[in-house]
Amino acid sequence: MTRRSEKTESKVLLNTIVESMQEKKARKILSMDLGNIHTAVTKYFVICHATSKTQVDAIYNYVIDMVHKDCGEKPFNREGYENSEWILIDYVDVVVHIFLEEIRTFYQIEDLWADATLKEYESDE
């Protein structure tokens, strides 16, 4: 596999995740391109939040389903789905963070990677 096709696959995965979040009315969706940060462990973070644990679960389940359906990918790892306050889905090149709104506000994960290139997407907020 060439570097170009890996980059294209990462972008397709990123877009599928964002579209899945939009479909489930996620709020303040953004991606962080970490590709130029040498210490980063992934290429992209995708972050959103929801106003209830039920919505966090719905976004999580839909992202998992649509990525599997459209990209044929299963998560390498996932954490936090037991309590639905901060769910992390690791697709290696793309790491997804789905927060409950007050948890996102508390941790402010976007501020931890100041060198990343941020892209905001149309969302419910």
C-alpha atoms as a PDB file:
ATOM      1  CA  MET A   1       0.000   0.000   0.000  1.00  0.00           C
ATOM      2  CA  THR A   2       1.384   3.420  -0.890  1.00  0.00           C
ATOM      3  CA  ARG A   3       1.467   6.422   1.397  1.00  0.00           C
ATOM      4  CA  ARG A   4      -1.045   8.185  -0.816  1.00  0.00           C
ATOM      5  CA  SER A   5      -3.633   5.413  -0.541  1.00  0.00           C
ATOM      6  CA  GLU A   6      -3.126   5.270   3.247  1.00  0.00           C
ATOM      7  CA  LYS A   7      -3.765   9.006   3.417  1.00  0.00           C
ATOM      8  CA  THR A   8      -6.856   8.629   1.222  1.00  0.00           C
ATOM      9  CA  GLU A   9      -8.146   5.785   3.400  1.00  0.00           C
ATOM     10  CA  SER A  10      -7.665   7.921   6.517  1.00  0.00           C
ATOM     11  CA  LYS A  11      -9.636  10.752   4.893  1.00  0.00           C
ATOM     12  CA  VAL A  12     -12.476   8.388   3.890  1.00  0.00           C
ATOM     13  CA  LEU A  13     -12.575   7.050   7.442  1.00  0.00           C
ATOM     14  CA  LEU A  14     -12.540  10.599   8.840  1.00  0.00           C
ATOM     15  CA  ASN A  15     -15.398  11.673   6.560  1.00  0.00           C
ATOM     16  CA  THR A  16     -17.483   8.602   7.422  1.00  0.00           C
ATOM     17  CA  ILE A  17     -17.058   9.316  11.128  1.00  0.00           C
ATOM     18  CA  VAL A  18     -17.997  12.986  10.763  1.00  0.00           C
ATOM     19  CA  GLU A  19     -21.056  12.181   8.630  1.00  0.00           C
ATOM     20  CA  SER A  20     -22.163   9.571  11.182  1.00  0.00           C
ATOM     21  CA  MET A  21     -21.867  12.138  13.966  1.00  0.00           C
ATOM     22  CA  GLN A  22     -23.844  14.670  11.953  1.00  0.00           C
ATOM     23  CA  GLU A  23     -26.581  12.119  11.298  1.00  0.00           C
ATOM     24  CA  LYS A  24     -27.034  11.591  15.052  1.00  0.00           C
ATOM     25  CA  LYS A  25     -27.086  15.345  15.782  1.00  0.00           C
ATOM     26  CA  ALA A  26     -23.702  15.511  17.524  1.00  0.00           C
ATOM     27  CA  ARG A  27     -22.650  18.950  18.660  1.00  0.00           C
ATOM     28  CA  LYS A  28     -19.518  20.977  17.917  1.00  0.00           C
ATOM     29  CA  ILE A  29     -17.873  18.396  15.673  1.00  0.00           C
ATOM     30  CA  LEU A  30     -14.239  19.055  14.885  1.00  0.00           C
ATOM     31  CA  SER A  31     -11.228  17.189  13.615  1.00  0.00           C
ATOM     32  CA  MET A  32      -7.669  17.751  14.657  1.00  0.00           C
ATOM     33  CA  ASP A  33      -5.008  16.958  12.064  1.00  0.00           C
ATOM     34  CA  LEU A  34      -2.046  15.700  14.075  1.00  0.00           C
ATOM     35  CA  GLY A  35      -0.034  14.596  11.048  1.00  0.00           C
ATOM     36  CA  ASN A  36       2.669  17.248  11.462  1.00  0.00           C
ATOM     37  CA  ILE A  37       3.169  16.619  15.182  1.00  0.00           C
ATOM     38  CA  HIS A  38       6.001  14.131  15.526  1.00  0.00           C
ATOM     39  CA  THR A  39       4.977  12.946  18.998  1.00  0.00           C
ATOM     40  CA  ALA A  40       1.343  12.277  18.034  1.00  0.00           C
ATOM     41  CA  VAL A  41       0.193   8.672  18.163  1.00  0.00           C
ATOM     42  CA  THR A  42      -2.436   9.061  15.437  1.00  0.00           C
ATOM     43  CA  LYS A  43      -3.165  11.134  12.336  1.00  0.00           C
ATOM     44  CA  TYR A  44      -6.536  12.573  13.405  1.00  0.00           C
ATOM     45  CA  PHE A  45      -8.695  13.138  16.439  1.00  0.00           C
ATOM     46  CA  VAL A  46     -12.397  13.620  15.804  1.00  0.00           C
ATOM     47  CA  ILE A  47     -14.273  15.197  18.687  1.00  0.00           C
ATOM     48  CA  CYS A  48     -17.925  15.891  19.400  1.00  0.00           C
ATOM     49  CA  HIS A  49     -20.299  16.068  22.320  1.00  0.00           C
ATOM     50  CA  ALA A  50     -23.900  15.265  23.158  1.00  0.00           C
ATOM     51  CA  THR A  51     -26.339  16.531  25.742  1.00  0.00           C
ATOM     52  CA  SER A  52     -27.288  13.154  27.238  1.00  0.00           C
ATOM     53  CA  LYS A  53     -25.774   9.728  27.841  1.00  0.00           C
ATOM     54  CA  THR A  54     -28.447   8.282  25.557  1.00  0.00           C
ATOM     55  CA  GLN A  55     -27.250  10.488  22.707  1.00  0.00           C
ATOM     56  CA  VAL A  56     -23.586   9.663  23.449  1.00  0.00           C
ATOM     57  CA  ASP A  57     -24.508   5.970  23.114  1.00  0.00           C
ATOM     58  CA  ALA A  58     -26.444   6.596  19.893  1.00  0.00           C
ATOM     59  CA  ILE A  59     -23.518   8.459  18.299  1.00  0.00           C
ATOM     60  CA  TYR A  60     -21.077   5.759  19.409  1.00  0.00           C
ATOM     61  CA  ASN A  61     -23.192   2.901  18.053  1.00  0.00           C
ATOM     62  CA  TYR A  62     -23.853   4.683  14.758  1.00  0.00           C
ATOM     63  CA  VAL A  63     -20.180   5.528  14.191  1.00  0.00           C
ATOM     64  CA  ILE A  64     -19.206   1.891  14.843  1.00  0.00           C
ATOM     65  CA  ASP A  65     -21.946   0.607  12.494  1.00  0.00           C
ATOM     66  CA  MET A  66     -21.333   3.053   9.639  1.00  0.00           C
ATOM     67  CA  VAL A  67     -17.535   2.728   9.691  1.00  0.00           C
ATOM     68  CA  HIS A  68     -17.897  -1.043   9.554  1.00  0.00           C
ATOM     69  CA  LYS A  69     -20.511  -0.833   6.769  1.00  0.00           C
ATOM     70  CA  ASP A  70     -18.836   1.852   4.629  1.00  0.00           C
ATOM     71  CA  CYS A  71     -15.127   1.262   5.335  1.00  0.00           C
ATOM     72  CA  GLY A  72     -15.009  -2.357   6.469  1.00  0.00           C
ATOM     73  CA  GLU A  73     -13.140  -1.285   9.610  1.00  0.00           C
ATOM     74  CA  LYS A  74     -13.593  -2.436  13.178  1.00  0.00           C
ATOM     75  CA  PRO A  75     -12.116  -0.469  16.086  1.00  0.00           C
ATOM     76  CA  PHE A  76      -8.657  -1.436  17.267  1.00  0.00           C
ATOM     77  CA  ASN A  77      -9.782  -0.435  20.765  1.00  0.00           C
ATOM     78  CA  ARG A  78     -12.646   1.337  22.499  1.00  0.00           C
ATOM     79  CA  GLU A  79     -13.066   2.677  25.988  1.00  0.00           C
ATOM     80  CA  GLY A  80     -15.655   4.431  28.116  1.00  0.00           C
ATOM     81  CA  TYR A  81     -18.803   2.939  26.608  1.00  0.00           C
ATOM     82  CA  GLU A  82     -19.763   1.481  29.995  1.00  0.00           C
ATOM     83  CA  ASN A  83     -20.561   4.896  31.489  1.00  0.00           C
ATOM     84  CA  SER A  84     -21.187   6.968  28.315  1.00  0.00           C
ATOM     85  CA  GLU A  85     -19.518  10.140  29.523  1.00  0.00           C
ATOM     86  CA  TRP A  86     -16.403  10.021  27.324  1.00  0.00           C
ATOM     87  CA  ILE A  87     -16.200   7.273  24.737  1.00  0.00           C
ATOM     88  CA  LEU A  88     -12.990   6.761  22.792  1.00  0.00           C
ATOM     89  CA  ILE A  89     -12.955   4.704  19.592  1.00  0.00           C
ATOM     90  CA  ASP A  90      -9.478   3.941  18.246  1.00  0.00           C
ATOM     91  CA  TYR A  91      -9.203   3.230  14.515  1.00  0.00           C
ATOM     92  CA  VAL A  92      -5.386   3.638  14.692  1.00  0.00           C
ATOM     93  CA  ASP A  93      -5.127   6.505  12.151  1.00  0.00           C
ATOM     94  CA  VAL A  94      -8.279   8.180  13.480  1.00  0.00           C
ATOM     95  CA  VAL A  95      -9.207   8.350  17.165  1.00  0.00           C
ATOM     96  CA  VAL A  96     -12.790   9.342  17.969  1.00  0.00           C
ATOM     97  CA  HIS A  97     -13.812  11.137  21.168  1.00  0.00           C
ATOM     98  CA  ILE A  98     -17.528  11.347  21.975  1.00  0.00           C
ATOM     99  CA  PHE A  99     -18.161  13.382  25.111  1.00  0.00           C
ATOM    100  CA  LEU A 100     -21.047  14.229  27.347  1.00  0.00           C
ATOM    101  CA  GLU A 101     -21.156  18.028  27.123  1.00  0.00           C
ATOM    102  CA  GLU A 102     -19.984  18.820  30.685  1.00  0.00           C
ATOM    103  CA  ILE A 103     -17.138  16.286  30.454  1.00  0.00           C
ATOM    104  CA  ARG A 104     -15.871  17.873  27.233  1.00  0.00           C
ATOM    105  CA  THR A 105     -15.987  21.300  28.856  1.00  0.00           C
ATOM    106  CA  PHE A 106     -14.045  20.002  31.860  1.00  0.00           C
ATOM    107  CA  TYR A 107     -11.225  18.276  29.943  1.00  0.00           C
ATOM    108  CA  GLN A 108     -10.937  20.737  27.014  1.00  0.00           C
ATOM    109  CA  ILE A 109      -9.048  18.154  24.976  1.00  0.00           C
ATOM    110  CA  GLU A 110      -8.800  20.534  22.004  1.00  0.00           C
ATOM    111  CA  ASP A 111      -6.424  22.731  24.006  1.00  0.00           C
ATOM    112  CA  LEU A 112      -3.977  19.881  24.634  1.00  0.00           C
ATOM    113  CA  TRP A 113      -2.877  19.777  20.980  1.00  0.00           C
ATOM    114  CA  ALA A 114      -2.339  23.462  20.211  1.00  0.00           C
ATOM    115  CA  ASP A 115      -0.150  22.655  17.183  1.00  0.00           C
ATOM    116  CA  ALA A 116      -2.865  20.608  15.478  1.00  0.00           C
ATOM    117  CA  THR A 117      -4.816  21.948  12.539  1.00  0.00           C
ATOM    118  CA  LEU A 118      -8.466  22.236  13.559  1.00  0.00           C
ATOM    119  CA  LYS A 119     -11.416  21.860  11.235  1.00  0.00           C
ATOM    120  CA  GLU A 120     -14.961  22.490  12.406  1.00  0.00           C
ATOM    121  CA  TYR A 121     -17.885  20.770  10.746  1.00  0.00           C
ATOM    122  CA  GLU A 122     -21.515  21.679  10.463  1.00  0.00           C
ATOM    123  CA  SER A 123     -23.279  20.324  13.497  1.00  0.00           C
ATOM    124  CA  ASP A 124     -26.377  20.711  15.594  1.00  0.00           C
ATOM    125  CA  GLU A 125     -24.932  23.620  17.558  1.00  0.00           C
END
